[in-house]
């Protein structure tokens, strides 16, 4: 057993006698190369899916790198634990892109991680997958299925060769982020920087093409995976995710703050469309001077969002909050008159589902999978084209000025989430694909063994 394996908390779960049967608890290794539950959807996915799998009676071991996933406790009747598989944490705050001291290097994977960073690339998907391969190879027999959360590193191919039943979730292809970042680049130097940073997408395309089972969260993402990553359509399956509807719920006793608009922007990147929302706020405040925006996220000093705030004189009308708890986010949403998702593209849009679950009326673009979550324009949300600041301003103004429309859309939005997008539904759908992967694994392992013996 490796040193990382020895850090796992508690004893190994007892091996089920028939993991392919419909009611036998499964032992799941859930891989997450980046698990911050307050920044980006991957950490949110790991936290909530692992909890619901354990509530269904399965035994889940989350294997993750920094920032480590945050897991819920006392979830039973299954078990849930975290095994830390540390990287060099090269992008940690307050010293991102740091060069480690000599004593921090442990092995060749660490050297590779630094080398890729020094070449302006992003090494974590590759190096985490190699560490996971080494870790799991030392624990063969400990798990019934391995579930990768969008790592798509070469190490996954090694796991398949070792006979591990393997399922991978791709929220959306990062090639979409790359395209939008290249489109937003203003000169050749920025374009070169984008190409270097997103160099890992070539690896992800090669790996995804060879994986036996890919889960994704929307029909829109499924189309992008088939087109961008060249994965055969028969291998890509949609399992929508959702909101914690017990936590994200309405509370009529909470007063709304006049003019408050809330949005979540986990990263200051073109894909999130925050620049267009800032421009919309400038237009909106000419008719609604009390309109103000609370952004759950941060923006880069000197970046496009900061530049737009200065250009329109909105520094006092836009507030950024970071590191807040789920309860604080719920309080923000309950106290808002409107929630907004201005993204140019989303593979699903957890912020939309969470706002709707809270009963907060939503203005959202039609980028990517957002319409699959937010629903029809005028029924469960107000929908606008992505990148259209004028349309955003008009929709926001319409909602701010119509209390009955806010009430109707808020109620209909929550009903839509309750019917379609809950974490329990997501967990049950995921388990179905675990069992299919387990049933198919012996035949794949046999074919791989025959291929290795072939001259």
Protein backbone atom coordinates (compact mmCIF):
# COMPACT_ATOMS: atom_id res chain seq x y z
CA UNK A 1 0.00 0.00 0.00
CA UNK A 2 1.29 3.46 -0.85
CA UNK A 3 1.76 6.25 1.67
CA UNK A 4 -1.27 7.97 0.21
CA UNK A 5 -3.38 4.84 0.71
CA UNK A 6 -2.30 4.63 4.33
CA UNK A 7 -3.76 8.11 4.89
CA UNK A 8 -7.29 6.90 4.13
CA UNK A 9 -9.51 7.29 7.18
CA UNK A 10 -11.04 4.12 8.67
CA UNK A 11 -11.11 0.48 7.56
CA UNK A 12 -11.83 -0.71 4.04
CA UNK A 13 -15.52 -1.50 3.51
CA UNK A 14 -16.39 -5.21 3.36
CA UNK A 15 -16.37 -6.48 -0.22
CA UNK A 16 -19.90 -6.97 -1.61
CA UNK A 17 -20.63 -10.48 -2.86
CA UNK A 18 -22.37 -9.36 -6.07
CA UNK A 19 -21.64 -5.74 -7.02
CA UNK A 20 -23.55 -6.03 -10.28
CA UNK A 21 -26.90 -6.76 -8.62
CA UNK A 22 -29.43 -3.96 -8.33
CA UNK A 23 -29.45 -3.67 -4.54
CA UNK A 24 -25.90 -4.54 -3.44
CA UNK A 25 -23.91 -1.62 -1.96
CA UNK A 26 -20.97 -0.63 -4.12
CA UNK A 27 -17.47 0.48 -3.16
CA UNK A 28 -16.73 3.59 -5.20
CA UNK A 29 -13.45 5.44 -5.71
CA UNK A 30 -14.42 8.99 -6.73
CA UNK A 31 -11.45 10.89 -8.20
CA UNK A 32 -11.27 14.69 -8.06
CA UNK A 33 -8.12 16.55 -9.09
CA UNK A 34 -9.60 19.85 -7.84
CA UNK A 35 -12.26 19.91 -5.15
CA UNK A 36 -12.94 23.44 -3.91
CA UNK A 37 -16.70 23.44 -3.15
CA UNK A 38 -16.91 27.26 -3.33
CA UNK A 39 -15.16 27.80 -6.69
CA UNK A 40 -16.36 25.99 -9.78
CA UNK A 41 -18.77 23.13 -10.26
CA UNK A 42 -16.39 20.19 -9.82
CA UNK A 43 -16.09 20.51 -6.04
CA UNK A 44 -19.84 21.02 -5.69
CA UNK A 45 -20.44 17.90 -7.78
CA UNK A 46 -18.11 15.75 -5.67
CA UNK A 47 -19.54 16.95 -2.38
CA UNK A 48 -23.20 16.45 -3.20
CA UNK A 49 -22.92 13.31 -5.31
CA UNK A 50 -20.75 11.54 -2.71
CA UNK A 51 -23.25 12.43 0.04
CA UNK A 52 -26.22 11.10 -1.89
CA UNK A 53 -24.38 7.91 -2.88
CA UNK A 54 -23.67 7.26 0.80
CA UNK A 55 -27.29 7.97 1.68
CA UNK A 56 -28.26 5.29 -0.81
CA UNK A 57 -26.06 2.85 1.12
CA UNK A 58 -22.89 2.84 -0.98
CA UNK A 59 -19.33 3.13 0.32
CA UNK A 60 -17.59 6.12 -1.25
CA UNK A 61 -13.94 7.08 -0.95
CA UNK A 62 -13.17 10.46 -2.48
CA UNK A 63 -9.55 10.62 -3.62
CA UNK A 64 -8.58 14.22 -4.24
CA UNK A 65 -5.84 16.82 -4.50
CA UNK A 66 -5.62 20.43 -3.35
CA UNK A 67 -7.86 22.26 -2.81
CA UNK A 68 -9.19 19.16 -1.08
CA UNK A 69 -12.87 18.34 -1.41
CA UNK A 70 -15.16 19.16 1.50
CA UNK A 71 -17.41 16.21 2.36
CA UNK A 72 -20.55 16.00 4.44
CA UNK A 73 -20.48 13.85 7.56
CA UNK A 74 -22.86 11.35 9.21
CA UNK A 75 -24.65 10.68 5.95
CA UNK A 76 -25.26 6.88 6.34
CA UNK A 77 -26.28 4.16 5.85
CA UNK A 78 -23.25 3.93 3.57
CA UNK A 79 -19.82 5.35 4.34
CA UNK A 80 -17.99 8.40 3.06
CA UNK A 81 -14.34 9.30 3.54
CA UNK A 82 -11.57 11.37 2.01
CA UNK A 83 -8.11 10.24 0.95
CA UNK A 84 -5.71 13.09 0.23
CA UNK A 85 -3.50 12.61 -2.82
CA UNK A 86 -1.38 15.76 -2.61
CA UNK A 87 0.06 17.63 -5.55
CA UNK A 88 2.70 20.34 -5.19
CA UNK A 89 -0.18 22.85 -5.02
CA UNK A 90 1.50 25.18 -7.49
CA UNK A 91 -1.49 27.54 -7.83
CA UNK A 92 -2.29 28.10 -4.18
CA UNK A 93 -2.90 31.56 -2.80
CA UNK A 94 -1.16 33.87 -2.04
CA UNK A 95 1.73 32.55 -4.18
CA UNK A 96 0.35 31.03 -7.40
CA UNK A 97 2.82 29.73 -10.01
CA UNK A 98 5.34 29.16 -7.24
CA UNK A 99 8.56 27.20 -7.73
CA UNK A 100 8.84 24.57 -4.95
CA UNK A 101 11.88 24.29 -2.72
CA UNK A 102 14.20 21.34 -3.37
CA UNK A 103 12.98 19.39 -0.31
CA UNK A 104 9.37 19.42 -1.63
CA UNK A 105 10.14 17.18 -4.60
CA UNK A 106 9.20 13.56 -3.94
CA UNK A 107 9.34 11.79 -7.29
CA UNK A 108 9.34 12.10 -11.08
CA UNK A 109 5.67 13.11 -11.15
CA UNK A 110 6.52 16.19 -9.07
CA UNK A 111 9.29 17.09 -11.54
CA UNK A 112 6.83 16.71 -14.42
CA UNK A 113 4.29 18.95 -12.65
CA UNK A 114 6.79 21.77 -12.28
CA UNK A 115 8.15 21.35 -15.81
CA UNK A 116 4.71 21.71 -17.37
CA UNK A 117 3.93 24.75 -15.22
CA UNK A 118 7.25 26.37 -16.19
CA UNK A 119 6.30 25.94 -19.86
CA UNK A 120 3.08 27.92 -19.13
CA UNK A 121 0.90 24.81 -19.27
CA UNK A 122 -1.57 23.39 -16.74
CA UNK A 123 -0.25 20.06 -15.38
CA UNK A 124 -2.79 19.02 -12.74
CA UNK A 125 -5.10 16.74 -14.80
CA UNK A 126 -2.10 14.74 -16.05
CA UNK A 127 -0.13 14.53 -12.83
CA UNK A 128 -3.18 13.77 -10.67
CA UNK A 129 -4.16 10.92 -13.00
CA UNK A 130 -0.65 9.43 -12.72
CA UNK A 131 -0.74 9.65 -8.91
CA UNK A 132 -4.22 8.09 -8.90
CA UNK A 133 -3.00 5.23 -11.10
CA UNK A 134 -0.12 4.52 -8.73
CA UNK A 135 -2.37 4.77 -5.68
CA UNK A 136 -5.14 2.53 -7.00
CA UNK A 137 -2.75 -0.04 -8.49
CA UNK A 138 -1.58 -0.65 -4.90
CA UNK A 139 -5.20 -1.20 -3.79
CA UNK A 140 -6.55 -3.54 -6.45
CA UNK A 141 -9.63 -5.28 -5.14
CA UNK A 142 -10.57 -2.43 -2.80
CA UNK A 143 -13.17 -0.90 -5.14
CA UNK A 144 -15.96 -2.11 -7.40
CA UNK A 145 -15.82 0.93 -9.68
CA UNK A 146 -13.66 4.02 -10.22
CA UNK A 147 -15.47 7.28 -11.06
CA UNK A 148 -13.30 10.05 -12.48
CA UNK A 149 -14.53 13.63 -12.24
CA UNK A 150 -13.23 15.30 -15.44
CA UNK A 151 -9.53 14.54 -14.96
CA UNK A 152 -9.24 12.79 -18.32
CA UNK A 153 -5.52 12.19 -17.77
CA UNK A 154 -3.41 9.41 -19.26
CA UNK A 155 -3.40 7.58 -15.93
CA UNK A 156 -7.04 6.60 -16.51
CA UNK A 157 -6.00 4.45 -19.46
CA UNK A 158 -3.67 2.60 -17.12
CA UNK A 159 -6.55 1.97 -14.71
CA UNK A 160 -8.60 0.44 -17.50
CA UNK A 161 -5.72 -1.82 -18.51
CA UNK A 162 -5.55 -3.00 -14.88
CA UNK A 163 -9.20 -4.06 -15.14
CA UNK A 164 -10.87 -1.37 -13.03
CA UNK A 165 -14.48 -0.73 -14.09
CA UNK A 166 -14.30 2.94 -15.05
CA UNK A 167 -16.86 5.74 -15.39
CA UNK A 168 -15.89 9.33 -16.16
CA UNK A 169 -17.95 12.50 -15.77
CA UNK A 170 -17.28 15.31 -18.24
CA UNK A 171 -19.29 18.38 -17.25
CA UNK A 172 -18.42 19.97 -20.56
CA UNK A 173 -15.37 19.78 -22.81
CA UNK A 174 -12.72 22.31 -21.77
CA UNK A 175 -12.16 22.82 -25.49
CA UNK A 176 -15.18 25.15 -25.29
CA UNK A 177 -13.39 27.31 -22.71
CA UNK A 178 -10.32 27.31 -24.97
CA UNK A 179 -12.31 28.52 -27.99
CA UNK A 180 -13.96 31.34 -26.06
CA UNK A 181 -10.65 32.40 -24.48
CA UNK A 182 -8.97 32.50 -27.90
CA UNK A 183 -11.85 34.54 -29.27
CA UNK A 184 -11.45 37.06 -26.44
CA UNK A 185 -7.65 37.35 -26.82
CA UNK A 186 -6.59 40.73 -28.15
CA UNK A 187 -3.13 39.97 -29.58
CA UNK A 188 -0.82 37.10 -30.54
CA UNK A 189 0.82 37.00 -27.13
CA UNK A 190 -2.50 36.38 -25.39
CA UNK A 191 -3.41 33.75 -27.97
CA UNK A 192 -0.09 31.99 -27.42
CA UNK A 193 -0.64 32.06 -23.66
CA UNK A 194 -4.14 30.58 -24.06
CA UNK A 195 -2.86 27.79 -26.32
CA UNK A 196 -0.12 26.87 -23.86
CA UNK A 197 -2.42 26.91 -20.82
CA UNK A 198 -5.04 24.77 -22.54
CA UNK A 199 -2.49 22.36 -23.98
CA UNK A 200 -3.87 19.62 -21.72
CA UNK A 201 -7.06 19.51 -23.80
CA UNK A 202 -5.18 17.47 -26.44
CA UNK A 203 -4.58 14.80 -23.80
CA UNK A 204 -8.20 14.97 -22.66
CA UNK A 205 -9.43 14.45 -26.22
CA UNK A 206 -7.21 11.37 -26.68
CA UNK A 207 -8.22 9.87 -23.35
CA UNK A 208 -11.95 10.57 -23.67
CA UNK A 209 -12.00 8.92 -27.09
CA UNK A 210 -10.80 5.66 -25.52
CA UNK A 211 -12.94 5.61 -22.37
CA UNK A 212 -15.71 2.99 -22.12
CA UNK A 213 -18.36 5.12 -20.38
CA UNK A 214 -18.71 8.90 -20.20
CA UNK A 215 -21.38 10.61 -18.13
CA UNK A 216 -22.36 14.21 -18.69
CA UNK A 217 -24.90 16.56 -17.21
CA UNK A 218 -26.92 17.83 -20.19
CA UNK A 219 -27.85 17.10 -23.78
CA UNK A 220 -25.90 20.19 -24.83
CA UNK A 221 -22.72 18.87 -23.21
CA UNK A 222 -23.30 15.47 -24.80
CA UNK A 223 -23.30 17.04 -28.27
CA UNK A 224 -20.11 18.98 -27.46
CA UNK A 225 -18.38 15.82 -26.17
CA UNK A 226 -19.27 13.88 -29.30
CA UNK A 227 -18.17 16.72 -31.59
CA UNK A 228 -15.14 18.12 -29.73
CA UNK A 229 -13.73 15.02 -28.02
CA UNK A 230 -14.66 12.54 -30.74
CA UNK A 231 -16.30 10.15 -28.29
CA UNK A 232 -18.77 7.75 -29.98
CA UNK A 233 -22.31 8.85 -29.10
CA UNK A 234 -23.25 5.40 -27.78
CA UNK A 235 -20.71 5.81 -24.96
CA UNK A 236 -21.97 9.19 -23.72
CA UNK A 237 -24.88 9.22 -21.27
CA UNK A 238 -26.76 12.16 -19.73
CA UNK A 239 -27.32 12.18 -15.96
CA UNK A 240 -28.49 15.67 -14.93
CA UNK A 241 -27.28 17.05 -11.62
CA UNK A 242 -29.18 19.45 -9.41
CA UNK A 243 -29.61 21.52 -6.30
CA UNK A 244 -29.83 20.69 -2.62
CA UNK A 245 -33.51 21.55 -2.48
CA UNK A 246 -33.71 21.26 1.31
CA UNK A 247 -31.03 23.92 1.74
CA UNK A 248 -31.83 26.04 -1.32
CA UNK A 249 -35.46 26.73 -0.48
CA UNK A 250 -37.73 29.77 -0.20
CA UNK A 251 -38.33 31.56 3.09
CA UNK A 252 -41.16 34.11 2.85
CA UNK A 253 -40.05 35.59 6.17
CA UNK A 254 -36.84 36.91 4.62
CA UNK A 255 -37.37 40.42 3.20
CA UNK A 256 -35.97 41.16 -0.26
CA UNK A 257 -33.62 44.07 -0.76
CA UNK A 258 -34.97 46.47 -3.43
CA UNK A 259 -32.80 46.42 -6.54
CA UNK A 260 -30.57 43.53 -5.46
CA UNK A 261 -29.38 41.25 -8.27
CA UNK A 262 -27.21 38.22 -7.47
CA UNK A 263 -24.94 36.31 -9.84
CA UNK A 264 -22.30 33.62 -9.38
CA UNK A 265 -19.06 33.93 -11.36
CA UNK A 266 -16.61 31.29 -10.18
CA UNK A 267 -13.86 32.60 -12.47
CA UNK A 268 -13.00 35.88 -14.20
CA UNK A 269 -13.06 34.34 -17.69
CA UNK A 270 -14.94 35.28 -20.88
CA UNK A 271 -17.13 32.17 -20.68
CA UNK A 272 -18.94 33.50 -17.59
CA UNK A 273 -20.18 36.63 -19.38
CA UNK A 274 -19.71 38.90 -16.37
CA UNK A 275 -18.44 41.78 -18.53
CA UNK A 276 -21.77 41.81 -20.38
CA UNK A 277 -23.68 41.87 -17.09
CA UNK A 278 -21.61 44.86 -15.91
CA UNK A 279 -22.49 46.67 -19.14
CA UNK A 280 -26.14 45.73 -18.63
CA UNK A 281 -26.01 47.19 -15.12
CA UNK A 282 -24.86 50.53 -16.54
CA UNK A 283 -27.89 50.57 -18.85
CA UNK A 284 -30.25 49.32 -16.16
CA UNK A 285 -29.35 51.97 -13.59
CA UNK A 286 -30.51 54.76 -15.89
CA UNK A 287 -34.08 53.57 -15.19
CA UNK A 288 -33.59 51.72 -11.89
CA UNK A 289 -31.03 53.76 -9.93
CA UNK A 290 -31.33 51.46 -6.89
CA UNK A 291 -30.25 48.41 -8.91
CA UNK A 292 -27.06 46.87 -7.56
CA UNK A 293 -25.20 43.64 -8.20
CA UNK A 294 -23.74 41.13 -5.75
CA UNK A 295 -21.22 38.81 -7.44
CA UNK A 296 -20.39 35.55 -5.67
CA UNK A 297 -16.83 35.28 -6.91
CA UNK A 298 -13.79 37.45 -7.54
CA UNK A 299 -12.34 39.44 -10.39
CA UNK A 300 -8.74 40.06 -11.39
CA UNK A 301 -7.20 43.46 -10.80
CA UNK A 302 -6.72 45.08 -14.17
CA UNK A 303 -8.80 42.41 -15.90
CA UNK A 304 -11.74 42.97 -18.27
CA UNK A 305 -14.33 43.07 -15.47
CA UNK A 306 -12.33 45.59 -13.43
CA UNK A 307 -11.85 47.69 -16.57
CA UNK A 308 -15.59 47.64 -17.29
CA UNK A 309 -16.45 48.64 -13.72
CA UNK A 310 -14.15 51.64 -13.99
CA UNK A 311 -15.38 52.59 -17.45
CA UNK A 312 -19.03 52.69 -16.35
CA UNK A 313 -18.37 54.07 -12.88
CA UNK A 314 -20.01 51.09 -11.18
CA UNK A 315 -17.49 50.37 -8.43
CA UNK A 316 -20.05 51.33 -5.77
CA UNK A 317 -22.90 49.43 -7.43
CA UNK A 318 -21.16 46.04 -7.75
CA UNK A 319 -20.01 44.05 -4.72
CA UNK A 320 -17.86 40.90 -4.82
CA UNK A 321 -18.10 38.29 -2.05
CA UNK A 322 -15.92 35.17 -1.77
CA UNK A 323 -15.50 32.23 0.54
CA UNK A 324 -19.09 32.31 1.77
CA UNK A 325 -20.87 29.27 3.20
CA UNK A 326 -23.83 27.58 1.57
CA UNK A 327 -26.09 29.13 4.20
CA UNK A 328 -24.75 32.60 3.38
CA UNK A 329 -25.34 31.99 -0.33
CA UNK A 330 -28.92 30.92 0.39
CA UNK A 331 -29.43 34.10 2.44
CA UNK A 332 -28.12 36.22 -0.45
CA UNK A 333 -30.47 34.55 -2.92
CA UNK A 334 -33.48 34.80 -0.63
CA UNK A 335 -32.83 38.50 -0.15
CA UNK A 336 -32.42 39.22 -3.88
CA UNK A 337 -35.17 40.43 -6.15
CA UNK A 338 -33.52 38.77 -9.17
CA UNK A 339 -30.82 36.16 -9.86
CA UNK A 340 -28.87 36.29 -13.12
CA UNK A 341 -26.80 33.79 -15.13
CA UNK A 342 -25.05 35.82 -17.88
CA UNK A 343 -22.76 33.02 -19.13
CA UNK A 344 -21.86 32.64 -22.79
CA UNK A 345 -21.82 28.87 -22.26
CA UNK A 346 -22.54 26.41 -19.45
CA UNK A 347 -22.44 22.64 -19.43
CA UNK A 348 -25.29 22.64 -16.90
CA UNK A 349 -25.47 25.74 -14.61
CA UNK A 350 -25.66 24.92 -10.94
CA UNK A 351 -26.18 28.63 -10.11
CA UNK A 352 -29.38 28.61 -12.16
CA UNK A 353 -30.70 25.48 -10.43
CA UNK A 354 -29.82 26.79 -6.96
CA UNK A 355 -31.42 30.20 -7.56
CA UNK A 356 -34.57 28.57 -8.91
CA UNK A 357 -34.71 26.14 -5.98
CA UNK A 358 -34.61 29.13 -3.64
CA UNK A 359 -37.61 30.63 -5.41
CA UNK A 360 -35.62 33.60 -6.71
CA UNK A 361 -36.79 34.71 -10.20
CA UNK A 362 -34.12 34.15 -12.82
CA UNK A 363 -32.77 36.00 -15.85
CA UNK A 364 -30.51 33.67 -17.84
CA UNK A 365 -28.90 33.48 -21.24
CA UNK A 366 -29.49 30.68 -23.71
CA UNK A 367 -25.80 29.71 -23.76
CA UNK A 368 -25.05 25.99 -23.87
CA UNK A 369 -27.21 23.90 -21.53
CA UNK A 370 -28.72 26.79 -19.58
CA UNK A 371 -32.16 26.50 -21.30
CA UNK A 372 -32.29 22.81 -20.30
CA UNK A 373 -32.05 23.90 -16.67
CA UNK A 374 -33.83 27.25 -16.64
CA UNK A 375 -36.72 26.20 -18.86
CA UNK A 376 -38.93 28.19 -21.26
CA UNK A 377 -38.75 31.96 -21.51
CA UNK A 378 -41.64 33.59 -19.68
CA UNK A 379 -42.64 30.39 -17.86
CA UNK A 380 -39.80 29.57 -15.47
CA UNK A 381 -37.31 32.35 -16.29
CA UNK A 382 -36.64 35.26 -18.62
CA UNK A 383 -34.23 34.10 -21.33
CA UNK A 384 -31.91 36.33 -23.39
CA UNK A 385 -29.23 35.70 -26.03
CA UNK A 386 -25.69 35.25 -24.68
CA UNK A 387 -23.44 38.30 -24.92
CA UNK A 388 -26.34 40.75 -25.39
CA UNK A 389 -26.02 43.43 -22.69
CA UNK A 390 -29.08 45.31 -23.95
CA UNK A 391 -31.29 42.23 -23.69
CA UNK A 392 -29.93 41.50 -20.21
CA UNK A 393 -30.71 45.05 -19.06
CA UNK A 394 -34.23 44.88 -20.48
CA UNK A 395 -35.01 41.54 -18.80
CA UNK A 396 -33.58 42.64 -15.46
CA UNK A 397 -35.56 45.88 -15.60
CA UNK A 398 -38.75 44.01 -16.47
CA UNK A 399 -38.41 41.80 -13.40
CA UNK A 400 -37.41 44.60 -11.05
CA UNK A 401 -40.53 46.49 -12.08
CA UNK A 402 -43.08 43.65 -11.85
CA UNK A 403 -43.64 42.00 -8.46
CA UNK A 404 -46.28 39.58 -9.78
CA UNK A 405 -43.95 38.36 -12.53
CA UNK A 406 -41.22 37.82 -9.94
CA UNK A 407 -43.61 35.78 -7.78
CA UNK A 408 -44.84 33.64 -10.67
CA UNK A 409 -41.41 32.87 -12.15
CA UNK A 410 -39.93 32.18 -8.71
CA UNK A 411 -42.62 29.62 -7.85
CA UNK A 412 -42.49 27.94 -11.27
CA UNK A 413 -38.69 27.77 -11.17
CA UNK A 414 -38.68 25.91 -7.86
CA UNK A 415 -41.25 23.42 -9.10
CA UNK A 416 -39.11 22.73 -12.15
CA UNK A 417 -36.04 21.98 -10.02
CA UNK A 418 -37.99 19.73 -7.63
CA UNK A 419 -39.33 17.72 -10.55
CA UNK A 420 -36.10 17.38 -12.55
CA UNK A 421 -32.88 18.42 -10.82
CA UNK A 422 -32.13 16.94 -7.39
CA UNK A 423 -28.95 15.27 -6.15
CA UNK A 424 -30.81 12.10 -5.17
CA UNK A 425 -31.99 11.67 -8.76
CA UNK A 426 -28.44 12.30 -9.95
CA UNK A 427 -27.02 9.67 -7.58
CA UNK A 428 -29.54 7.02 -8.59
CA UNK A 429 -28.86 7.63 -12.27
CA UNK A 430 -25.11 7.46 -11.69
CA UNK A 431 -25.37 4.13 -9.86
CA UNK A 432 -27.16 2.64 -12.86
CA UNK A 433 -24.08 3.40 -14.95
CA UNK A 434 -21.74 2.05 -12.26
CA UNK A 435 -23.50 -1.31 -12.49
CA UNK A 436 -23.33 -1.30 -16.29
CA UNK A 437 -19.58 -0.58 -16.13
CA UNK A 438 -19.07 -3.41 -13.63
CA UNK A 439 -21.02 -5.83 -15.81
CA UNK A 440 -19.00 -4.86 -18.90
CA UNK A 441 -15.56 -4.85 -17.23
CA UNK A 442 -14.77 -8.62 -17.49
CA UNK A 443 -15.22 -8.65 -21.27
CA UNK A 444 -13.11 -5.51 -21.68
CA UNK A 445 -10.38 -6.94 -19.46
CA UNK A 446 -10.38 -10.14 -21.50
CA UNK A 447 -10.05 -8.25 -24.77
CA UNK A 448 -7.19 -6.18 -23.35
CA UNK A 449 -5.37 -9.31 -22.15
CA UNK A 450 -5.74 -10.96 -25.55
CA UNK A 451 -4.43 -7.80 -27.22
CA UNK A 452 -1.34 -7.84 -24.98
CA UNK A 453 -0.65 -11.48 -25.87
CA UNK A 454 -1.07 -10.88 -29.58
CA UNK A 455 2.19 -10.67 -31.61
